[in-house]
Amino acid sequence: MNDEITSTMEELNFLFRKKWTICVLTDLHLGSKHFQDFNNNLPEISTKVLHQTLNELEEAGLIDKKVIQDKPKTTEYALTEKGRLSKNFIKEYYGYIASISSNSSDEEEILKRIMEL
């Protein structure tokens, strides 16, 4: 394999192994764009870890961060083209989890989430 592909695979493997990466990307695909949106939709994630996850996604080129200088100053996050390409992967990921889940209510919740994407 060429070095660029290997490097990209290593970077994405590192990123997607992290607990909150897919959750935050899913939230972006579902329309969240402000820090508070993520905080409300993912109450289990600490603000420190959320900041770290958003920064890592930005560094990986999956999202853009835009500071809006209105009063009050706000920050918006948006998927880049590279980030939008993750949608099919995420749908497959949730589909796989639903197919191996032994809990039917979990499966229903996962399938509902897939349909929202």
C-alpha atoms as a PDB file:
ATOM      1  CA  MET A   1       0.000   0.000   0.000  1.00  0.00           C
ATOM      2  CA  ASN A   2       1.232   3.489  -0.658  1.00  0.00           C
ATOM      3  CA  ASP A   3       2.342   5.656   2.249  1.00  0.00           C
ATOM      4  CA  GLU A   4      -0.453   8.224   1.889  1.00  0.00           C
ATOM      5  CA  ILE A   5      -3.185   5.573   2.067  1.00  0.00           C
ATOM      6  CA  THR A   6      -1.493   3.900   5.032  1.00  0.00           C
ATOM      7  CA  SER A   7      -1.192   7.229   6.834  1.00  0.00           C
ATOM      8  CA  THR A   8      -4.859   8.075   6.190  1.00  0.00           C
ATOM      9  CA  MET A   9      -5.950   4.640   7.413  1.00  0.00           C
ATOM     10  CA  GLU A  10      -3.919   5.018  10.596  1.00  0.00           C
ATOM     11  CA  GLU A  11      -5.341   8.491  11.241  1.00  0.00           C
ATOM     12  CA  LEU A  12      -8.931   7.352  10.736  1.00  0.00           C
ATOM     13  CA  ASN A  13      -8.438   4.171  12.774  1.00  0.00           C
ATOM     14  CA  PHE A  14      -7.126   6.300  15.639  1.00  0.00           C
ATOM     15  CA  LEU A  15     -10.012   8.762  15.354  1.00  0.00           C
ATOM     16  CA  PHE A  16     -12.836   6.235  14.981  1.00  0.00           C
ATOM     17  CA  ARG A  17     -11.604   4.121  17.900  1.00  0.00           C
ATOM     18  CA  LYS A  18     -12.417   7.031  20.194  1.00  0.00           C
ATOM     19  CA  LYS A  19     -15.684   6.766  22.086  1.00  0.00           C
ATOM     20  CA  TRP A  20     -17.386   9.975  20.928  1.00  0.00           C
ATOM     21  CA  THR A  21     -16.191  10.435  17.333  1.00  0.00           C
ATOM     22  CA  ILE A  22     -19.084   8.648  15.635  1.00  0.00           C
ATOM     23  CA  CYS A  23     -21.647  10.194  18.000  1.00  0.00           C
ATOM     24  CA  VAL A  24     -20.440  13.736  17.249  1.00  0.00           C
ATOM     25  CA  LEU A  25     -20.248  13.059  13.493  1.00  0.00           C
ATOM     26  CA  THR A  26     -23.762  11.601  13.581  1.00  0.00           C
ATOM     27  CA  ASP A  27     -24.998  14.698  15.392  1.00  0.00           C
ATOM     28  CA  LEU A  28     -23.415  16.879  12.701  1.00  0.00           C
ATOM     29  CA  HIS A  29     -25.110  14.829   9.973  1.00  0.00           C
ATOM     30  CA  LEU A  30     -28.405  15.333  11.818  1.00  0.00           C
ATOM     31  CA  GLY A  31     -27.995  19.112  11.787  1.00  0.00           C
ATOM     32  CA  SER A  32     -26.212  20.114  14.975  1.00  0.00           C
ATOM     33  CA  LYS A  33     -23.767  22.945  14.452  1.00  0.00           C
ATOM     34  CA  HIS A  34     -23.206  24.723  17.766  1.00  0.00           C
ATOM     35  CA  PHE A  35     -21.308  23.477  20.794  1.00  0.00           C
ATOM     36  CA  GLN A  36     -24.477  23.725  22.886  1.00  0.00           C
ATOM     37  CA  ASP A  37     -26.343  21.519  20.369  1.00  0.00           C
ATOM     38  CA  PHE A  38     -23.825  18.727  20.913  1.00  0.00           C
ATOM     39  CA  ASN A  39     -23.858  19.308  24.656  1.00  0.00           C
ATOM     40  CA  ASN A  40     -27.662  18.995  24.736  1.00  0.00           C
ATOM     41  CA  ASN A  41     -27.853  15.998  22.390  1.00  0.00           C
ATOM     42  CA  LEU A  42     -24.983  14.092  24.010  1.00  0.00           C
ATOM     43  CA  PRO A  43     -25.389  14.804  27.731  1.00  0.00           C
ATOM     44  CA  GLU A  44     -23.021  11.971  28.716  1.00  0.00           C
ATOM     45  CA  ILE A  45     -19.988  13.650  27.116  1.00  0.00           C
ATOM     46  CA  SER A  46     -18.024  16.123  29.235  1.00  0.00           C
ATOM     47  CA  THR A  47     -17.381  19.590  27.804  1.00  0.00           C
ATOM     48  CA  LYS A  48     -13.635  18.898  27.882  1.00  0.00           C
ATOM     49  CA  VAL A  49     -13.981  15.705  25.835  1.00  0.00           C
ATOM     50  CA  LEU A  50     -16.442  17.391  23.461  1.00  0.00           C
ATOM     51  CA  HIS A  51     -13.952  20.209  22.809  1.00  0.00           C
ATOM     52  CA  GLN A  52     -11.202  17.646  22.265  1.00  0.00           C
ATOM     53  CA  THR A  53     -13.350  15.575  19.880  1.00  0.00           C
ATOM     54  CA  LEU A  54     -14.357  18.630  17.838  1.00  0.00           C
ATOM     55  CA  ASN A  55     -10.714  19.751  17.639  1.00  0.00           C
ATOM     56  CA  GLU A  56      -9.597  16.290  16.493  1.00  0.00           C
ATOM     57  CA  LEU A  57     -12.314  16.174  13.834  1.00  0.00           C
ATOM     58  CA  GLU A  58     -11.241  19.615  12.634  1.00  0.00           C
ATOM     59  CA  GLU A  59      -7.558  18.600  12.541  1.00  0.00           C
ATOM     60  CA  ALA A  60      -8.505  15.491  10.535  1.00  0.00           C
ATOM     61  CA  GLY A  61     -10.310  17.686   8.000  1.00  0.00           C
ATOM     62  CA  LEU A  62     -13.735  16.191   8.698  1.00  0.00           C
ATOM     63  CA  ILE A  63     -15.270  19.418  10.018  1.00  0.00           C
ATOM     64  CA  ASP A  64     -14.747  23.160   9.723  1.00  0.00           C
ATOM     65  CA  LYS A  65     -15.000  25.551  12.637  1.00  0.00           C
ATOM     66  CA  LYS A  66     -16.309  29.043  11.949  1.00  0.00           C
ATOM     67  CA  VAL A  67     -16.306  31.797  14.565  1.00  0.00           C
ATOM     68  CA  ILE A  68     -19.108  34.302  13.998  1.00  0.00           C
ATOM     69  CA  GLN A  69     -18.267  37.726  15.399  1.00  0.00           C
ATOM     70  CA  ASP A  70     -21.854  38.709  16.223  1.00  0.00           C
ATOM     71  CA  LYS A  71     -22.728  39.619  19.772  1.00  0.00           C
ATOM     72  CA  PRO A  72     -22.611  37.261  21.456  1.00  0.00           C
ATOM     73  CA  LYS A  73     -19.795  35.626  19.529  1.00  0.00           C
ATOM     74  CA  THR A  74     -20.733  32.094  18.457  1.00  0.00           C
ATOM     75  CA  THR A  75     -18.958  29.168  16.886  1.00  0.00           C
ATOM     76  CA  GLU A  76     -20.456  26.958  14.195  1.00  0.00           C
ATOM     77  CA  TYR A  77     -19.215  23.561  13.110  1.00  0.00           C
ATOM     78  CA  ALA A  78     -19.928  22.099   9.690  1.00  0.00           C
ATOM     79  CA  LEU A  79     -18.989  18.924   7.886  1.00  0.00           C
ATOM     80  CA  THR A  80     -16.404  19.273   5.150  1.00  0.00           C
ATOM     81  CA  GLU A  81     -16.705  17.229   1.964  1.00  0.00           C
ATOM     82  CA  LYS A  82     -14.475  14.633   3.610  1.00  0.00           C
ATOM     83  CA  GLY A  83     -16.784  14.668   6.643  1.00  0.00           C
ATOM     84  CA  ARG A  84     -19.926  14.310   4.532  1.00  0.00           C
ATOM     85  CA  LEU A  85     -18.411  11.177   3.000  1.00  0.00           C
ATOM     86  CA  SER A  86     -18.548   9.548   6.446  1.00  0.00           C
ATOM     87  CA  LYS A  87     -22.349   9.315   6.265  1.00  0.00           C
ATOM     88  CA  ASN A  88     -22.448   5.933   4.495  1.00  0.00           C
ATOM     89  CA  PHE A  89     -19.827   4.518   6.852  1.00  0.00           C
ATOM     90  CA  ILE A  90     -21.841   5.669   9.868  1.00  0.00           C
ATOM     91  CA  LYS A  91     -25.065   4.203   8.467  1.00  0.00           C
ATOM     92  CA  GLU A  92     -23.318   0.866   7.885  1.00  0.00           C
ATOM     93  CA  TYR A  93     -21.817   1.026  11.372  1.00  0.00           C
ATOM     94  CA  TYR A  94     -25.209   1.564  13.033  1.00  0.00           C
ATOM     95  CA  GLY A  95     -26.764  -1.093  10.788  1.00  0.00           C
ATOM     96  CA  TYR A  96     -24.125  -3.596  11.853  1.00  0.00           C
ATOM     97  CA  ILE A  97     -24.698  -2.795  15.529  1.00  0.00           C
ATOM     98  CA  ALA A  98     -28.460  -3.204  15.077  1.00  0.00           C
ATOM     99  CA  SER A  99     -27.989  -6.565  13.353  1.00  0.00           C
ATOM    100  CA  ILE A 100     -25.909  -8.018  16.193  1.00  0.00           C
ATOM    101  CA  SER A 101     -27.831  -6.412  19.062  1.00  0.00           C
ATOM    102  CA  SER A 102     -29.629  -8.873  21.319  1.00  0.00           C
ATOM    103  CA  ASN A 103     -31.868  -6.149  22.746  1.00  0.00           C
ATOM    104  CA  SER A 104     -34.819  -5.357  20.465  1.00  0.00           C
ATOM    105  CA  SER A 105     -35.379  -1.892  21.983  1.00  0.00           C
ATOM    106  CA  ASP A 106     -31.713  -1.037  21.289  1.00  0.00           C
ATOM    107  CA  GLU A 107     -32.146  -2.310  17.747  1.00  0.00           C
ATOM    108  CA  GLU A 108     -35.228  -0.122  17.244  1.00  0.00           C
ATOM    109  CA  GLU A 109     -33.392   2.946  18.585  1.00  0.00           C
ATOM    110  CA  ILE A 110     -30.403   2.279  16.330  1.00  0.00           C
ATOM    111  CA  LEU A 111     -32.588   1.748  13.257  1.00  0.00           C
ATOM    112  CA  LYS A 112     -34.474   4.968  14.053  1.00  0.00           C
ATOM    113  CA  ARG A 113     -31.146   6.812  14.183  1.00  0.00           C
ATOM    114  CA  ILE A 114     -30.120   5.339  10.813  1.00  0.00           C
ATOM    115  CA  MET A 115     -33.369   6.509   9.232  1.00  0.00           C
ATOM    116  CA  GLU A 116     -32.714  10.053  10.468  1.00  0.00           C
ATOM    117  CA  LEU A 117     -29.402  10.222   8.590  1.00  0.00           C
END
